[in-house]
């Protein structure tokens, strides 16, 4: 009976753990996209091929964009959340 209980609990934890991991991965991807949108709006020239393909470099004109206070706060909040989730 004890082995059955432990086996059942392990299966439940693995299922929820995998689900949480997938949710974190989706949130990490969305956070990075949100971050990149702010940079793209400021004319940032992306170097990463995947990011270039996704956001383009047609309107790029800087590698050091300047942000408003509100934009910087949003970028900082995104980075903080990425750290909490241990995003790549």
PDB file of N, CA and C in Angstrom:
ATOM      1  N   UNK A   1       0.827  -1.187   0.000  1.00  0.00           N
ATOM      2  CA  UNK A   1       0.000   0.000   0.000  1.00  0.00           C
ATOM      3  C   UNK A   1       0.880   1.262   0.000  1.00  0.00           C
ATOM      4  N   UNK A   2       1.928   1.240   0.808  1.00  0.00           N
ATOM      5  CA  UNK A   2       2.817   2.388   0.892  1.00  0.00           C
ATOM      6  C   UNK A   2       3.513   2.620  -0.448  1.00  0.00           C
ATOM      7  N   UNK A   3       3.936   1.537  -1.132  1.00  0.00           N
ATOM      8  CA  UNK A   3       4.606   1.666  -2.429  1.00  0.00           C
ATOM      9  C   UNK A   3       3.646   2.226  -3.470  1.00  0.00           C
ATOM     10  N   UNK A   4       2.400   1.785  -3.426  1.00  0.00           N
ATOM     11  CA  UNK A   4       1.396   2.291  -4.362  1.00  0.00           C
ATOM     12  C   UNK A   4       1.186   3.791  -4.157  1.00  0.00           C
ATOM     13  N   UNK A   5       1.097   4.189  -2.906  1.00  0.00           N
ATOM     14  CA  UNK A   5       0.913   5.607  -2.586  1.00  0.00           C
ATOM     15  C   UNK A   5       2.104   6.428  -3.087  1.00  0.00           C
ATOM     16  N   UNK A   6       3.314   5.954  -2.819  1.00  0.00           N
ATOM     17  CA  UNK A   6       4.513   6.675  -3.249  1.00  0.00           C
ATOM     18  C   UNK A   6       4.598   6.735  -4.769  1.00  0.00           C
ATOM     19  N   UNK A   7       4.248   5.656  -5.421  1.00  0.00           N
ATOM     20  CA  UNK A   7       4.262   5.631  -6.878  1.00  0.00           C
ATOM     21  C   UNK A   7       3.260   6.608  -7.462  1.00  0.00           C
ATOM     22  N   UNK A   8       2.082   6.638  -6.890  1.00  0.00           N
ATOM     23  CA  UNK A   8       1.043   7.554  -7.344  1.00  0.00           C
ATOM     24  C   UNK A   8       1.469   9.001  -7.119  1.00  0.00           C
ATOM     25  N   UNK A   9       2.001   9.279  -5.944  1.00  0.00           N
ATOM     26  CA  UNK A   9       2.451  10.638  -5.638  1.00  0.00           C
ATOM     27  C   UNK A   9       3.587  11.063  -6.574  1.00  0.00           C
ATOM     28  N   UNK A  10       4.504  10.156  -6.871  1.00  0.00           N
ATOM     29  CA  UNK A  10       5.608  10.465  -7.782  1.00  0.00           C
ATOM     30  C   UNK A  10       5.080  10.808  -9.170  1.00  0.00           C
ATOM     31  N   UNK A  11       4.108  10.027  -9.638  1.00  0.00           N
ATOM     32  CA  UNK A  11       3.524  10.288 -10.958  1.00  0.00           C
ATOM     33  C   UNK A  11       2.830  11.645 -10.987  1.00  0.00           C
ATOM     34  N   UNK A  12       2.119  11.969  -9.938  1.00  0.00           N
ATOM     35  CA  UNK A  12       1.426  13.265  -9.867  1.00  0.00           C
ATOM     36  C   UNK A  12       2.430  14.407  -9.862  1.00  0.00           C
ATOM     37  N   UNK A  13       3.459  14.274  -9.058  1.00  0.00           N
ATOM     38  CA  UNK A  13       4.474  15.330  -8.975  1.00  0.00           C
ATOM     39  C   UNK A  13       5.205  15.494 -10.304  1.00  0.00           C
ATOM     40  N   UNK A  14       5.495  14.389 -10.975  1.00  0.00           N
ATOM     41  CA  UNK A  14       6.182  14.469 -12.265  1.00  0.00           C
ATOM     42  C   UNK A  14       5.300  15.167 -13.292  1.00  0.00           C
ATOM     43  N   UNK A  15       4.011  14.874 -13.269  1.00  0.00           N
ATOM     44  CA  UNK A  15       3.086  15.491 -14.210  1.00  0.00           C
ATOM     45  C   UNK A  15       3.005  16.989 -13.965  1.00  0.00           C
ATOM     46  N   UNK A  16       2.788  17.382 -12.720  1.00  0.00           N
ATOM     47  CA  UNK A  16       2.695  18.807 -12.412  1.00  0.00           C
ATOM     48  C   UNK A  16       4.033  19.495 -12.589  1.00  0.00           C
ATOM     49  N   UNK A  17       5.113  18.821 -12.283  1.00  0.00           N
ATOM     50  CA  UNK A  17       6.442  19.400 -12.471  1.00  0.00           C
ATOM     51  C   UNK A  17       6.725  19.659 -13.937  1.00  0.00           C
ATOM     52  N   UNK A  18       6.374  18.719 -14.790  1.00  0.00           N
ATOM     53  CA  UNK A  18       6.574  18.891 -16.229  1.00  0.00           C
ATOM     54  C   UNK A  18       5.705  20.016 -16.755  1.00  0.00           C
ATOM     55  N   UNK A  19       4.493  20.101 -16.242  1.00  0.00           N
ATOM     56  CA  UNK A  19       3.576  21.156 -16.662  1.00  0.00           C
ATOM     57  C   UNK A  19       4.113  22.520 -16.241  1.00  0.00           C
ATOM     58  N   UNK A  20       4.611  22.614 -15.030  1.00  0.00           N
ATOM     59  CA  UNK A  20       5.163  23.882 -14.537  1.00  0.00           C
ATOM     60  C   UNK A  20       6.381  24.281 -15.358  1.00  0.00           C
ATOM     61  N   UNK A  21       7.197  23.300 -15.716  1.00  0.00           N
ATOM     62  CA  UNK A  21       8.380  23.580 -16.527  1.00  0.00           C
ATOM     63  C   UNK A  21       7.968  24.122 -17.890  1.00  0.00           C
ATOM     64  N   UNK A  22       6.954  23.510 -18.498  1.00  0.00           N
ATOM     65  CA  UNK A  22       6.470  23.976 -19.796  1.00  0.00           C
ATOM     66  C   UNK A  22       5.893  25.380 -19.683  1.00  0.00           C
ATOM     67  N   UNK A  23       5.149  25.626 -18.608  1.00  0.00           N
ATOM     68  CA  UNK A  23       4.585  26.959 -18.387  1.00  0.00           C
ATOM     69  C   UNK A  23       5.694  27.994 -18.220  1.00  0.00           C
ATOM     70  N   UNK A  24       6.748  27.630 -17.465  1.00  0.00           N
ATOM     71  CA  UNK A  24       7.880  28.540 -17.273  1.00  0.00           C
ATOM     72  C   UNK A  24       8.569  28.826 -18.600  1.00  0.00           C
ATOM     73  N   UNK A  25       8.736  27.796 -19.413  1.00  0.00           N
ATOM     74  CA  UNK A  25       9.397  27.977 -20.703  1.00  0.00           C
ATOM     75  C   UNK A  25       8.591  28.923 -21.588  1.00  0.00           C
ATOM     76  N   UNK A  26       7.267  28.778 -21.575  1.00  0.00           N
ATOM     77  CA  UNK A  26       6.407  29.673 -22.357  1.00  0.00           C
ATOM     78  C   UNK A  26       6.493  31.097 -21.831  1.00  0.00           C
ATOM     79  N   UNK A  27       6.482  31.232 -20.511  1.00  0.00           N
ATOM     80  CA  UNK A  27       6.570  32.573 -19.934  1.00  0.00           C
ATOM     81  C   UNK A  27       7.921  33.204 -20.236  1.00  0.00           C
ATOM     82  N   UNK A  28       8.986  32.403 -20.166  1.00  0.00           N
ATOM     83  CA  UNK A  28      10.324  32.916 -20.481  1.00  0.00           C
ATOM     84  C   UNK A  28      10.384  33.410 -21.929  1.00  0.00           C
ATOM     85  N   UNK A  29       9.783  32.651 -22.826  1.00  0.00           N
ATOM     86  CA  UNK A  29       9.780  33.051 -24.232  1.00  0.00           C
ATOM     87  C   UNK A  29       8.993  34.351 -24.425  1.00  0.00           C
ATOM     88  N   UNK A  30       7.850  34.456 -23.776  1.00  0.00           N
ATOM     89  CA  UNK A  30       7.042  35.676 -23.878  1.00  0.00           C
ATOM     90  C   UNK A  30       7.777  36.873 -23.286  1.00  0.00           C
ATOM     91  N   UNK A  31       8.429  36.667 -22.159  1.00  0.00           N
ATOM     92  CA  UNK A  31       9.188  37.754 -21.549  1.00  0.00           C
ATOM     93  C   UNK A  31      10.290  38.243 -22.488  1.00  0.00           C
ATOM     94  N   UNK A  32      10.989  37.310 -23.117  1.00  0.00           N
ATOM     95  CA  UNK A  32      12.061  37.697 -24.035  1.00  0.00           C
ATOM     96  C   UNK A  32      11.497  38.430 -25.246  1.00  0.00           C
ATOM     97  N   UNK A  33      10.352  37.970 -25.740  1.00  0.00           N
ATOM     98  CA  UNK A  33       9.711  38.668 -26.860  1.00  0.00           C
ATOM     99  C   UNK A  33       9.306  40.085 -26.455  1.00  0.00           C
ATOM    100  N   UNK A  34       8.730  40.218 -25.262  1.00  0.00           N
ATOM    101  CA  UNK A  34       8.332  41.548 -24.772  1.00  0.00           C
ATOM    102  C   UNK A  34       9.549  42.471 -24.681  1.00  0.00           C
ATOM    103  N   UNK A  35      10.644  41.925 -24.196  1.00  0.00           N
ATOM    104  CA  UNK A  35      11.900  42.667 -24.064  1.00  0.00           C
ATOM    105  C   UNK A  35      12.386  43.121 -25.449  1.00  0.00           C
ATOM    106  N   UNK A  36      12.363  42.184 -26.387  1.00  0.00           N
ATOM    107  CA  UNK A  36      12.853  42.485 -27.732  1.00  0.00           C
ATOM    108  C   UNK A  36      11.962  43.482 -28.471  1.00  0.00           C
ATOM    109  N   UNK A  37      10.671  43.451 -28.211  1.00  0.00           N
ATOM    110  CA  UNK A  37       9.753  44.410 -28.837  1.00  0.00           C
ATOM    111  C   UNK A  37      10.129  45.832 -28.428  1.00  0.00           C
ATOM    112  N   UNK A  38      10.452  46.020 -27.171  1.00  0.00           N
ATOM    113  CA  UNK A  38      10.850  47.347 -26.686  1.00  0.00           C
ATOM    114  C   UNK A  38      12.128  47.795 -27.393  1.00  0.00           C
ATOM    115  N   UNK A  39      13.089  46.889 -27.516  1.00  0.00           N
ATOM    116  CA  UNK A  39      14.331  47.213 -28.219  1.00  0.00           C
ATOM    117  C   UNK A  39      14.083  47.496 -29.692  1.00  0.00           C
ATOM    118  N   UNK A  40      13.265  46.666 -30.342  1.00  0.00           N
ATOM    119  CA  UNK A  40      12.981  46.851 -31.765  1.00  0.00           C
ATOM    120  C   UNK A  40      12.310  48.201 -32.025  1.00  0.00           C
ATOM    121  N   UNK A  41      11.423  48.599 -31.132  1.00  0.00           N
ATOM    122  CA  UNK A  41      10.720  49.875 -31.280  1.00  0.00           C
ATOM    123  C   UNK A  41      11.679  51.066 -31.211  1.00  0.00           C
ATOM    124  N   UNK A  42      12.832  50.844 -30.605  1.00  0.00           N
ATOM    125  CA  UNK A  42      13.835  51.905 -30.480  1.00  0.00           C
ATOM    126  C   UNK A  42      14.898  51.832 -31.573  1.00  0.00           C
ATOM    127  N   UNK A  43      14.681  50.969 -32.575  1.00  0.00           N
ATOM    128  CA  UNK A  43      15.619  50.883 -33.694  1.00  0.00           C
ATOM    129  C   UNK A  43      16.854  50.058 -33.423  1.00  0.00           C
ATOM    130  N   UNK A  44      16.767  49.148 -32.459  1.00  0.00           N
ATOM    131  CA  UNK A  44      17.920  48.317 -32.117  1.00  0.00           C
ATOM    132  C   UNK A  44      18.260  47.375 -33.265  1.00  0.00           C
ATOM    133  N   UNK A  45      19.545  47.198 -33.521  1.00  0.00           N
ATOM    134  CA  UNK A  45      20.028  46.272 -34.556  1.00  0.00           C
ATOM    135  C   UNK A  45      20.358  44.934 -33.897  1.00  0.00           C
ATOM    136  N   UNK A  46      19.520  43.952 -34.136  1.00  0.00           N
ATOM    137  CA  UNK A  46      19.722  42.625 -33.551  1.00  0.00           C
ATOM    138  C   UNK A  46      20.828  41.883 -34.283  1.00  0.00           C
ATOM    139  N   UNK A  47      21.609  41.113 -33.525  1.00  0.00           N
ATOM    140  CA  UNK A  47      22.690  40.315 -34.098  1.00  0.00           C
ATOM    141  C   UNK A  47      22.322  38.838 -34.191  1.00  0.00           C
ATOM    142  N   UNK A  48      21.542  38.364 -33.221  1.00  0.00           N
ATOM    143  CA  UNK A  48      21.145  36.962 -33.179  1.00  0.00           C
ATOM    144  C   UNK A  48      20.266  36.634 -34.389  1.00  0.00           C
ATOM    145  N   UNK A  49      20.625  35.608 -35.169  1.00  0.00           N
ATOM    146  CA  UNK A  49      19.853  35.283 -36.379  1.00  0.00           C
ATOM    147  C   UNK A  49      18.366  34.999 -36.125  1.00  0.00           C
ATOM    148  N   UNK A  50      18.059  34.295 -35.056  1.00  0.00           N
ATOM    149  CA  UNK A  50      16.659  33.997 -34.759  1.00  0.00           C
ATOM    150  C   UNK A  50      15.885  35.266 -34.415  1.00  0.00           C
ATOM    151  N   UNK A  51      16.507  36.125 -33.633  1.00  0.00           N
ATOM    152  CA  UNK A  51      15.851  37.369 -33.241  1.00  0.00           C
ATOM    153  C   UNK A  51      15.702  38.286 -34.449  1.00  0.00           C
ATOM    154  N   UNK A  52      16.720  38.317 -35.295  1.00  0.00           N
ATOM    155  CA  UNK A  52      16.632  39.112 -36.530  1.00  0.00           C
ATOM    156  C   UNK A  52      15.472  38.629 -37.392  1.00  0.00           C
ATOM    157  N   UNK A  53      15.348  37.311 -37.513  1.00  0.00           N
ATOM    158  CA  UNK A  53      14.273  36.743 -38.332  1.00  0.00           C
ATOM    159  C   UNK A  53      12.900  37.079 -37.759  1.00  0.00           C
ATOM    160  N   UNK A  54      12.804  37.085 -36.447  1.00  0.00           N
ATOM    161  CA  UNK A  54      11.526  37.326 -35.792  1.00  0.00           C
ATOM    162  C   UNK A  54      11.134  38.805 -35.794  1.00  0.00           C
ATOM    163  N   UNK A  55      12.098  39.684 -35.525  1.00  0.00           N
ATOM    164  CA  UNK A  55      11.802  41.106 -35.367  1.00  0.00           C
ATOM    165  C   UNK A  55      12.321  41.969 -36.509  1.00  0.00           C
ATOM    166  N   UNK A  56      13.219  41.427 -37.301  1.00  0.00           N
ATOM    167  CA  UNK A  56      13.764  42.164 -38.431  1.00  0.00           C
ATOM    168  C   UNK A  56      14.757  43.234 -38.030  1.00  0.00           C
ATOM    169  N   UNK A  57      15.523  43.660 -39.001  1.00  0.00           N
ATOM    170  CA  UNK A  57      16.479  44.750 -38.802  1.00  0.00           C
ATOM    171  C   UNK A  57      16.263  45.846 -39.835  1.00  0.00           C
ATOM    172  N   UNK A  58      15.078  45.849 -40.468  1.00  0.00           N
ATOM    173  CA  UNK A  58      14.808  46.836 -41.513  1.00  0.00           C
ATOM    174  C   UNK A  58      14.887  48.268 -41.002  1.00  0.00           C
ATOM    175  N   UNK A  59      14.461  48.494 -39.779  1.00  0.00           N
ATOM    176  CA  UNK A  59      14.454  49.849 -39.217  1.00  0.00           C
ATOM    177  C   UNK A  59      15.529  50.040 -38.151  1.00  0.00           C
ATOM    178  N   UNK A  60      16.544  49.198 -38.175  1.00  0.00           N
ATOM    179  CA  UNK A  60      17.570  49.325 -37.135  1.00  0.00           C
ATOM    180  C   UNK A  60      18.496  50.490 -37.446  1.00  0.00           C
ATOM    181  N   UNK A  61      18.887  51.178 -36.361  1.00  0.00           N
ATOM    182  CA  UNK A  61      19.796  52.307 -36.528  1.00  0.00           C
ATOM    183  C   UNK A  61      20.713  52.506 -35.326  1.00  0.00           C
ATOM    184  N   UNK A  62      20.666  51.570 -34.371  1.00  0.00           N
ATOM    185  CA  UNK A  62      21.513  51.731 -33.187  1.00  0.00           C
ATOM    186  C   UNK A  62      21.769  50.388 -32.509  1.00  0.00           C
ATOM    187  N   UNK A  63      22.871  50.331 -31.801  1.00  0.00           N
ATOM    188  CA  UNK A  63      23.145  49.183 -30.932  1.00  0.00           C
ATOM    189  C   UNK A  63      23.052  49.607 -29.464  1.00  0.00           C
ATOM    190  N   UNK A  64      22.782  50.909 -29.246  1.00  0.00           N
ATOM    191  CA  UNK A  64      22.659  51.447 -27.888  1.00  0.00           C
ATOM    192  C   UNK A  64      21.442  52.367 -27.804  1.00  0.00           C
ATOM    193  N   UNK A  65      20.248  51.769 -27.809  1.00  0.00           N
ATOM    194  CA  UNK A  65      19.054  52.610 -27.768  1.00  0.00           C
ATOM    195  C   UNK A  65      18.895  53.325 -26.428  1.00  0.00           C
ATOM    196  N   UNK A  66      18.220  54.436 -26.467  1.00  0.00           N
ATOM    197  CA  UNK A  66      17.900  55.188 -25.250  1.00  0.00           C
ATOM    198  C   UNK A  66      16.432  54.948 -24.931  1.00  0.00           C
ATOM    199  N   UNK A  67      16.144  54.678 -23.661  1.00  0.00           N
ATOM    200  CA  UNK A  67      14.797  54.341 -23.235  1.00  0.00           C
ATOM    201  C   UNK A  67      14.239  55.406 -22.310  1.00  0.00           C
ATOM    202  N   UNK A  68      12.921  55.555 -22.371  1.00  0.00           N
ATOM    203  CA  UNK A  68      12.253  56.426 -21.411  1.00  0.00           C
ATOM    204  C   UNK A  68      12.316  55.760 -20.039  1.00  0.00           C
ATOM    205  N   UNK A  69      11.983  56.505 -19.018  1.00  0.00           N
ATOM    206  CA  UNK A  69      11.981  55.938 -17.667  1.00  0.00           C
ATOM    207  C   UNK A  69      11.003  54.763 -17.580  1.00  0.00           C
ATOM    208  N   UNK A  70       9.843  54.920 -18.188  1.00  0.00           N
ATOM    209  CA  UNK A  70       8.830  53.857 -18.166  1.00  0.00           C
ATOM    210  C   UNK A  70       9.317  52.601 -18.902  1.00  0.00           C
ATOM    211  N   UNK A  71       9.941  52.803 -20.060  1.00  0.00           N
ATOM    212  CA  UNK A  71      10.482  51.664 -20.810  1.00  0.00           C
ATOM    213  C   UNK A  71      11.561  50.950 -20.008  1.00  0.00           C
ATOM    214  N   UNK A  72      12.442  51.721 -19.375  1.00  0.00           N
ATOM    215  CA  UNK A  72      13.513  51.118 -18.577  1.00  0.00           C
ATOM    216  C   UNK A  72      12.945  50.339 -17.400  1.00  0.00           C
ATOM    217  N   UNK A  73      11.906  50.875 -16.780  1.00  0.00           N
ATOM    218  CA  UNK A  73      11.258  50.154 -15.681  1.00  0.00           C
ATOM    219  C   UNK A  73      10.677  48.836 -16.161  1.00  0.00           C
ATOM    220  N   UNK A  74      10.064  48.849 -17.342  1.00  0.00           N
ATOM    221  CA  UNK A  74       9.493  47.626 -17.917  1.00  0.00           C
ATOM    222  C   UNK A  74      10.600  46.616 -18.222  1.00  0.00           C
ATOM    223  N   UNK A  75      11.693  47.082 -18.802  1.00  0.00           N
ATOM    224  CA  UNK A  75      12.833  46.200 -19.101  1.00  0.00           C
ATOM    225  C   UNK A  75      13.397  45.598 -17.814  1.00  0.00           C
ATOM    226  N   UNK A  76      13.519  46.416 -16.779  1.00  0.00           N
ATOM    227  CA  UNK A  76      14.028  45.933 -15.491  1.00  0.00           C
ATOM    228  C   UNK A  76      13.085  44.892 -14.885  1.00  0.00           C
ATOM    229  N   UNK A  77      11.783  45.135 -14.991  1.00  0.00           N
ATOM    230  CA  UNK A  77      10.798  44.187 -14.455  1.00  0.00           C
ATOM    231  C   UNK A  77      10.856  42.858 -15.213  1.00  0.00           C
ATOM    232  N   UNK A  78      11.037  42.939 -16.514  1.00  0.00           N
ATOM    233  CA  UNK A  78      11.160  41.718 -17.323  1.00  0.00           C
ATOM    234  C   UNK A  78      12.396  40.936 -16.886  1.00  0.00           C
ATOM    235  N   UNK A  79      13.519  41.613 -16.752  1.00  0.00           N
ATOM    236  CA  UNK A  79      14.766  40.940 -16.335  1.00  0.00           C
ATOM    237  C   UNK A  79      14.623  40.318 -14.950  1.00  0.00           C
ATOM    238  N   UNK A  80      13.973  41.025 -14.042  1.00  0.00           N
ATOM    239  CA  UNK A  80      13.758  40.480 -12.694  1.00  0.00           C
ATOM    240  C   UNK A  80      12.933  39.199 -12.759  1.00  0.00           C
ATOM    241  N   UNK A  81      11.867  39.220 -13.562  1.00  0.00           N
ATOM    242  CA  UNK A  81      11.007  38.029 -13.680  1.00  0.00           C
ATOM    243  C   UNK A  81      11.768  36.891 -14.348  1.00  0.00           C
ATOM    244  N   UNK A  82      12.595  37.191 -15.330  1.00  0.00           N
ATOM    245  CA  UNK A  82      13.409  36.166 -15.982  1.00  0.00           C
ATOM    246  C   UNK A  82      14.354  35.501 -14.978  1.00  0.00           C
ATOM    247  N   UNK A  83      14.910  36.294 -14.080  1.00  0.00           N
ATOM    248  CA  UNK A  83      15.788  35.744 -13.044  1.00  0.00           C
ATOM    249  C   UNK A  83      15.007  34.834 -12.097  1.00  0.00           C
ATOM    250  N   UNK A  84      13.806  35.269 -11.713  1.00  0.00           N
ATOM    251  CA  UNK A  84      12.958  34.459 -10.825  1.00  0.00           C
ATOM    252  C   UNK A  84      12.660  33.097 -11.438  1.00  0.00           C
ATOM    253  N   UNK A  85      12.445  33.076 -12.750  1.00  0.00           N
ATOM    254  CA  UNK A  85      12.097  31.841 -13.454  1.00  0.00           C
ATOM    255  C   UNK A  85      13.314  31.057 -13.924  1.00  0.00           C
ATOM    256  N   UNK A  86      14.510  31.624 -13.716  1.00  0.00           N
ATOM    257  CA  UNK A  86      15.752  31.024 -14.208  1.00  0.00           C
ATOM    258  C   UNK A  86      15.717  30.819 -15.717  1.00  0.00           C
ATOM    259  N   UNK A  87      15.238  31.852 -16.418  1.00  0.00           N
ATOM    260  CA  UNK A  87      15.204  31.792 -17.885  1.00  0.00           C
ATOM    261  C   UNK A  87      16.635  31.816 -18.405  1.00  0.00           C
ATOM    262  N   UNK A  88      16.805  31.286 -19.599  1.00  0.00           N
ATOM    263  CA  UNK A  88      18.133  31.296 -20.229  1.00  0.00           C
ATOM    264  C   UNK A  88      18.515  32.683 -20.640  1.00  0.00           C
TER     265      UNK A  88
END
